[in-house]
PDB file of N, CA and C in Angstrom:
ATOM      1  N   MET A   1      33.986-271.857  85.506  1.00  0.00           N
ATOM      2  CA  MET A   1      34.662-271.390  84.969  1.00  0.00           C
ATOM      3  C   MET A   1      35.748-271.396  85.909  1.00  0.00           C
ATOM      4  N   ASN A   2      37.244-271.574  86.234  1.00  0.00           N
ATOM      5  CA  ASN A   2      37.881-270.972  87.381  1.00  0.00           C
ATOM      6  C   ASN A   2      39.099-271.364  86.522  1.00  0.00           C
ATOM      7  N   LYS A   3      39.414-270.286  86.094  1.00  0.00           N
ATOM      8  CA  LYS A   3      41.028-270.182  85.342  1.00  0.00           C
ATOM      9  C   LYS A   3      41.753-269.630  86.173  1.00  0.00           C
ATOM     10  N   GLU A   4      42.945-270.468  86.049  1.00  0.00           N
ATOM     11  CA  GLU A   4      43.949-270.114  87.256  1.00  0.00           C
ATOM     12  C   GLU A   4      45.178-269.347  85.723  1.00  0.00           C
ATOM     13  N   ARG A   5      46.185-268.646  86.868  1.00  0.00           N
ATOM     14  CA  ARG A   5      47.115-267.029  86.188  1.00  0.00           C
ATOM     15  C   ARG A   5      47.392-268.310  85.234  1.00  0.00           C
ATOM     16  N   TYR A   6      47.749-267.436  83.938  1.00  0.00           N
ATOM     17  CA  TYR A   6      48.310-268.010  82.688  1.00  0.00           C
ATOM     18  C   TYR A   6      49.480-266.678  82.019  1.00  0.00           C
ATOM     19  N   LYS A   7      49.894-267.121  81.218  1.00  0.00           N
ATOM     20  CA  LYS A   7      51.069-266.154  80.959  1.00  0.00           C
ATOM     21  C   LYS A   7      50.952-266.275  79.444  1.00  0.00           C
ATOM     22  N   GLU A   8      51.070-265.413  78.440  1.00  0.00           N
ATOM     23  CA  GLU A   8      50.928-265.171  77.113  1.00  0.00           C
ATOM     24  C   GLU A   8      52.097-264.752  76.574  1.00  0.00           C
ATOM     25  N   GLU A   9      53.038-265.604  75.397  1.00  0.00           N
ATOM     26  CA  GLU A   9      54.120-265.403  74.871  1.00  0.00           C
ATOM     27  C   GLU A   9      54.022-264.965  73.553  1.00  0.00           C
ATOM     28  N   TYR A  10      53.901-263.402  73.007  1.00  0.00           N
ATOM     29  CA  TYR A  10      54.021-263.160  72.034  1.00  0.00           C
ATOM     30  C   TYR A  10      55.727-263.195  71.070  1.00  0.00           C
ATOM     31  N   GLU A  11      55.268-262.976  69.561  1.00  0.00           N
ATOM     32  CA  GLU A  11      56.860-263.241  69.119  1.00  0.00           C
ATOM     33  C   GLU A  11      57.314-262.062  69.128  1.00  0.00           C
ATOM     34  N   GLU A  12      56.871-260.504  69.257  1.00  0.00           N
ATOM     35  CA  GLU A  12      57.454-259.404  69.091  1.00  0.00           C
ATOM     36  C   GLU A  12      58.111-259.810  70.514  1.00  0.00           C
ATOM     37  N   GLY A  13      58.178-260.016  71.278  1.00  0.00           N
ATOM     38  CA  GLY A  13      58.967-260.609  72.577  1.00  0.00           C
ATOM     39  C   GLY A  13      57.860-259.641  74.090  1.00  0.00           C
ATOM     40  N   SER A  14      56.669-259.649  73.721  1.00  0.00           N
ATOM     41  CA  SER A  14      56.352-259.121  74.672  1.00  0.00           C
ATOM     42  C   SER A  14      55.609-260.453  75.363  1.00  0.00           C
ATOM     43  N   ASP A  15      55.721-260.215  76.238  1.00  0.00           N
ATOM     44  CA  ASP A  15      54.687-261.291  77.558  1.00  0.00           C
ATOM     45  C   ASP A  15      53.483-260.602  78.464  1.00  0.00           C
ATOM     46  N   LEU A  16      52.544-261.020  78.238  1.00  0.00           N
ATOM     47  CA  LEU A  16      51.003-261.011  79.381  1.00  0.00           C
ATOM     48  C   LEU A  16      51.340-261.500  80.507  1.00  0.00           C
ATOM     49  N   LEU A  17      50.757-261.171  81.606  1.00  0.00           N
ATOM     50  CA  LEU A  17      50.613-262.246  82.452  1.00  0.00           C
ATOM     51  C   LEU A  17      49.274-261.798  82.768  1.00  0.00           C
ATOM     52  N   TRP A  18      47.755-263.062  82.811  1.00  0.00           N
ATOM     53  CA  TRP A  18      46.637-262.829  82.930  1.00  0.00           C
ATOM     54  C   TRP A  18      46.118-263.570  84.339  1.00  0.00           C
ATOM     55  N   PRO A  19      45.428-262.342  85.278  1.00  0.00           N
ATOM     56  CA  PRO A  19      45.286-262.831  86.372  1.00  0.00           C
ATOM     57  C   PRO A  19      44.161-264.195  86.511  1.00  0.00           C
ATOM     58  N   SER A  20      44.621-264.835  87.094  1.00  0.00           N
ATOM     59  CA  SER A  20      42.947-266.022  87.520  1.00  0.00           C
ATOM     60  C   SER A  20      41.778-265.274  87.740  1.00  0.00           C
ATOM     61  N   ASP A  21      40.471-266.270  87.902  1.00  0.00           N
ATOM     62  CA  ASP A  21      39.491-265.393  87.985  1.00  0.00           C
ATOM     63  C   ASP A  21      38.989-264.899  89.417  1.00  0.00           C
ATOM     64  N   LYS A  22      39.909-265.369  90.462  1.00  0.00           N
ATOM     65  CA  LYS A  22      39.966-265.462  92.012  1.00  0.00           C
ATOM     66  C   LYS A  22      40.867-264.261  91.821  1.00  0.00           C
ATOM     67  N   GLU A  23      41.824-263.762  91.378  1.00  0.00           N
ATOM     68  CA  GLU A  23      42.512-262.175  91.137  1.00  0.00           C
ATOM     69  C   GLU A  23      41.634-261.344  90.923  1.00  0.00           C
ATOM     70  N   ASP A  24      41.343-261.646  89.390  1.00  0.00           N
ATOM     71  CA  ASP A  24      39.975-260.504  88.713  1.00  0.00           C
ATOM     72  C   ASP A  24      39.370-259.992  89.385  1.00  0.00           C
ATOM     73  N   LYS A  25      38.265-260.753  90.251  1.00  0.00           N
ATOM     74  CA  LYS A  25      37.410-260.635  90.903  1.00  0.00           C
ATOM     75  C   LYS A  25      37.156-259.959  92.211  1.00  0.00           C
ATOM     76  N   ILE A  26      38.193-259.651  93.284  1.00  0.00           N
ATOM     77  CA  ILE A  26      39.363-259.219  93.767  1.00  0.00           C
ATOM     78  C   ILE A  26      39.298-257.837  93.295  1.00  0.00           C
ATOM     79  N   THR A  27      40.228-257.607  92.295  1.00  0.00           N
ATOM     80  CA  THR A  27      41.007-256.717  91.912  1.00  0.00           C
ATOM     81  C   THR A  27      39.724-255.850  91.272  1.00  0.00           C
ATOM     82  N   ARG A  28      38.707-256.321  90.850  1.00  0.00           N
ATOM     83  CA  ARG A  28      37.703-255.630  90.272  1.00  0.00           C
ATOM     84  C   ARG A  28      36.628-254.705  91.267  1.00  0.00           C
ATOM     85  N   GLN A  29      36.547-255.670  92.413  1.00  0.00           N
ATOM     86  CA  GLN A  29      35.714-255.630  93.412  1.00  0.00           C
ATOM     87  C   GLN A  29      36.501-254.342  94.269  1.00  0.00           C
ATOM     88  N   PHE A  30      38.073-254.328  94.350  1.00  0.00           N
ATOM     89  CA  PHE A  30      38.691-253.393  95.275  1.00  0.00           C
ATOM     90  C   PHE A  30      38.184-251.967  94.427  1.00  0.00           C
ATOM     91  N   TYR A  31      38.674-251.749  92.921  1.00  0.00           N
ATOM     92  CA  TYR A  31      37.934-250.672  91.961  1.00  0.00           C
ATOM     93  C   TYR A  31      36.955-250.309  91.936  1.00  0.00           C
ATOM     94  N   LYS A  32      36.235-251.310  92.369  1.00  0.00           N
ATOM     95  CA  LYS A  32      34.380-250.567  92.598  1.00  0.00           C
ATOM     96  C   LYS A  32      34.768-249.958  93.786  1.00  0.00           C
ATOM     97  N   ASP A  33      34.940-251.195  94.908  1.00  0.00           N
ATOM     98  CA  ASP A  33      35.136-250.146  96.839  1.00  0.00           C
ATOM     99  C   ASP A  33      35.492-248.600  96.497  1.00  0.00           C
ATOM    100  N   LEU A  34      36.806-248.449  95.639  1.00  0.00           N
ATOM    101  CA  LEU A  34      37.374-247.222  95.241  1.00  0.00           C
ATOM    102  C   LEU A  34      36.235-246.110  94.934  1.00  0.00           C
ATOM    103  N   SER A  35      36.036-246.369  93.688  1.00  0.00           N
ATOM    104  CA  SER A  35      35.121-245.916  93.364  1.00  0.00           C
ATOM    105  C   SER A  35      34.375-245.279  94.294  1.00  0.00           C
ATOM    106  N   ASP A  36      33.578-245.981  95.082  1.00  0.00           N
ATOM    107  CA  ASP A  36      32.100-246.056  95.511  1.00  0.00           C
ATOM    108  C   ASP A  36      32.625-244.542  97.024  1.00  0.00           C
ATOM    109  N   LEU A  37      34.117-244.866  97.380  1.00  0.00           N
ATOM    110  CA  LEU A  37      34.700-244.120  98.405  1.00  0.00           C
ATOM    111  C   LEU A  37      34.540-242.859  98.172  1.00  0.00           C
ATOM    112  N   SER A  38      35.213-242.681  96.707  1.00  0.00           N
ATOM    113  CA  SER A  38      35.397-241.341  95.972  1.00  0.00           C
ATOM    114  C   SER A  38      34.102-240.398  96.135  1.00  0.00           C
ATOM    115  N   LYS A  39      32.995-241.308  95.597  1.00  0.00           N
ATOM    116  CA  LYS A  39      31.857-240.779  95.599  1.00  0.00           C
ATOM    117  C   LYS A  39      31.249-239.970  96.428  1.00  0.00           C
ATOM    118  N   ASN A  40      31.488-240.638  97.636  1.00  0.00           N
ATOM    119  CA  ASN A  40      31.350-240.128  98.951  1.00  0.00           C
ATOM    120  C   ASN A  40      31.808-238.746  99.470  1.00  0.00           C
ATOM    121  N   ILE A  41      33.124-239.758  99.403  1.00  0.00           N
ATOM    122  CA  ILE A  41      34.154-237.962  99.856  1.00  0.00           C
ATOM    123  C   ILE A  41      33.297-237.174  99.223  1.00  0.00           C
ATOM    124  N   ASN A  42      33.377-236.896  97.265  1.00  0.00           N
ATOM    125  CA  ASN A  42      32.736-235.895  96.817  1.00  0.00           C
ATOM    126  C   ASN A  42      31.650-235.624  97.424  1.00  0.00           C
ATOM    127  N   TYR A  43      30.424-235.962  97.387  1.00  0.00           N
ATOM    128  CA  TYR A  43      29.276-235.616  97.875  1.00  0.00           C
ATOM    129  C   TYR A  43      29.132-235.001  99.136  1.00  0.00           C
ATOM    130  N   SER A  44      30.063-235.703 100.406  1.00  0.00           N
ATOM    131  CA  SER A  44      30.617-234.646 101.857  1.00  0.00           C
ATOM    132  C   SER A  44      31.019-233.450 101.142  1.00  0.00           C
ATOM    133  N   LYS A  45      32.220-233.255 100.552  1.00  0.00           N
ATOM    134  CA  LYS A  45      32.801-231.681  99.930  1.00  0.00           C
ATOM    135  C   LYS A  45      31.469-230.835  99.935  1.00  0.00           C
ATOM    136  N   LYS A  46      31.288-231.608  98.620  1.00  0.00           N
ATOM    137  CA  LYS A  46      29.892-230.554  97.906  1.00  0.00           C
ATOM    138  C   LYS A  46      28.750-230.174  99.772  1.00  0.00           C
ATOM    139  N   LYS A  47      28.186-231.058  99.861  1.00  0.00           N
ATOM    140  CA  LYS A  47      27.355-231.052 101.267  1.00  0.00           C
ATOM    141  C   LYS A  47      28.341-229.778 101.907  1.00  0.00           C
ATOM    142  N   LYS A  48      29.451-229.652 102.509  1.00  0.00           N
ATOM    143  CA  LYS A  48      29.987-229.129 103.277  1.00  0.00           C
ATOM    144  C   LYS A  48      30.344-227.392 102.902  1.00  0.00           C
ATOM    145  N   LEU A  49      30.731-227.403 101.198  1.00  0.00           N
ATOM    146  CA  LEU A  49      30.571-226.242 100.535  1.00  0.00           C
ATOM    147  C   LEU A  49      29.091-225.781 100.687  1.00  0.00           C
ATOM    148  N   LYS A  50      27.774-226.545 100.773  1.00  0.00           N
ATOM    149  CA  LYS A  50      26.520-226.115 100.451  1.00  0.00           C
ATOM    150  C   LYS A  50      26.180-225.174 101.693  1.00  0.00           C
ATOM    151  N   LEU A  51      26.329-225.639 102.821  1.00  0.00           N
ATOM    152  CA  LEU A  51      26.417-225.675 104.262  1.00  0.00           C
ATOM    153  C   LEU A  51      27.293-224.140 104.381  1.00  0.00           C
ATOM    154  N   PHE A  52      28.242-224.634 104.358  1.00  0.00           N
ATOM    155  CA  PHE A  52      29.236-223.035 104.078  1.00  0.00           C
ATOM    156  C   PHE A  52      28.804-221.487 103.305  1.00  0.00           C
ATOM    157  N   GLU A  53      27.810-221.773 102.320  1.00  0.00           N
ATOM    158  CA  GLU A  53      27.376-221.415 101.723  1.00  0.00           C
ATOM    159  C   GLU A  53      26.022-220.576 102.332  1.00  0.00           C
ATOM    160  N   GLN A  54      25.096-221.659 102.680  1.00  0.00           N
ATOM    161  CA  GLN A  54      24.428-220.950 103.272  1.00  0.00           C
ATOM    162  C   GLN A  54      24.303-220.190 104.464  1.00  0.00           C
ATOM    163  N   VAL A  55      25.784-220.472 105.592  1.00  0.00           N
ATOM    164  CA  VAL A  55      26.072-219.397 106.024  1.00  0.00           C
ATOM    165  C   VAL A  55      26.230-218.196 106.194  1.00  0.00           C
ATOM    166  N   VAL A  56      27.473-217.901 104.795  1.00  0.00           N
ATOM    167  CA  VAL A  56      27.631-216.935 103.878  1.00  0.00           C
ATOM    168  C   VAL A  56      26.241-216.391 103.586  1.00  0.00           C
ATOM    169  N   ARG A  57      25.193-216.481 103.224  1.00  0.00           N
ATOM    170  CA  ARG A  57      24.008-216.110 102.426  1.00  0.00           C
ATOM    171  C   ARG A  57      23.363-214.858 103.930  1.00  0.00           C
ATOM    172  N   MET A  58      23.294-216.128 105.314  1.00  0.00           N
ATOM    173  CA  MET A  58      22.638-215.481 106.074  1.00  0.00           C
ATOM    174  C   MET A  58      23.257-214.564 106.839  1.00  0.00           C
ATOM    175  N   ILE A  59      24.849-214.405 106.722  1.00  0.00           N
ATOM    176  CA  ILE A  59      25.864-212.748 107.333  1.00  0.00           C
ATOM    177  C   ILE A  59      25.232-212.194 106.278  1.00  0.00           C
ATOM    178  N   LYS A  60      25.149-211.973 105.219  1.00  0.00           N
ATOM    179  CA  LYS A  60      25.013-211.237 104.065  1.00  0.00           C
ATOM    180  C   LYS A  60      23.668-210.579 104.525  1.00  0.00           C
ATOM    181  N   GLY A  61      22.463-211.585 104.475  1.00  0.00           N
ATOM    182  CA  GLY A  61      21.336-211.061 104.572  1.00  0.00           C
ATOM    183  C   GLY A  61      21.105-210.444 105.972  1.00  0.00           C
ATOM    184  N   LYS A  62      22.073-210.436 107.038  1.00  0.00           N
ATOM    185  CA  LYS A  62      21.602-209.954 108.368  1.00  0.00           C
ATOM    186  C   LYS A  62      22.019-208.379 107.996  1.00  0.00           C
ATOM    187  N   GLY A  63      23.241-208.214 106.790  1.00  0.00           N
ATOM    188  CA  GLY A  63      24.291-207.380 107.127  1.00  0.00           C
ATOM    189  C   GLY A  63      25.811-207.298 107.427  1.00  0.00           C
ATOM    190  N   TRP A  64      25.992-208.285 107.846  1.00  0.00           N
ATOM    191  CA  TRP A  64      27.091-208.425 108.251  1.00  0.00           C
ATOM    192  C   TRP A  64      28.297-208.388 107.784  1.00  0.00           C
ATOM    193  N   GLY A  65      28.104-208.411 105.785  1.00  0.00           N
ATOM    194  CA  GLY A  65      29.019-208.419 105.088  1.00  0.00           C
ATOM    195  C   GLY A  65      28.993-207.324 104.135  1.00  0.00           C
TER     196      GLY A  65
END
């Protein structure tokens, strides 16, 4: 089923514009990709922080801190 964009009008005066199936699929994929990207960015930040923490521990262990 391939629905086209359509508009719903309500008595209260509000109108809703619904996306077509193609637009909906593209929008959902965009937000999925965006979510995956933000997860990867957060993961790399945590990884860098852990590396920094290890360096600090090594310095403190050798008596530099």
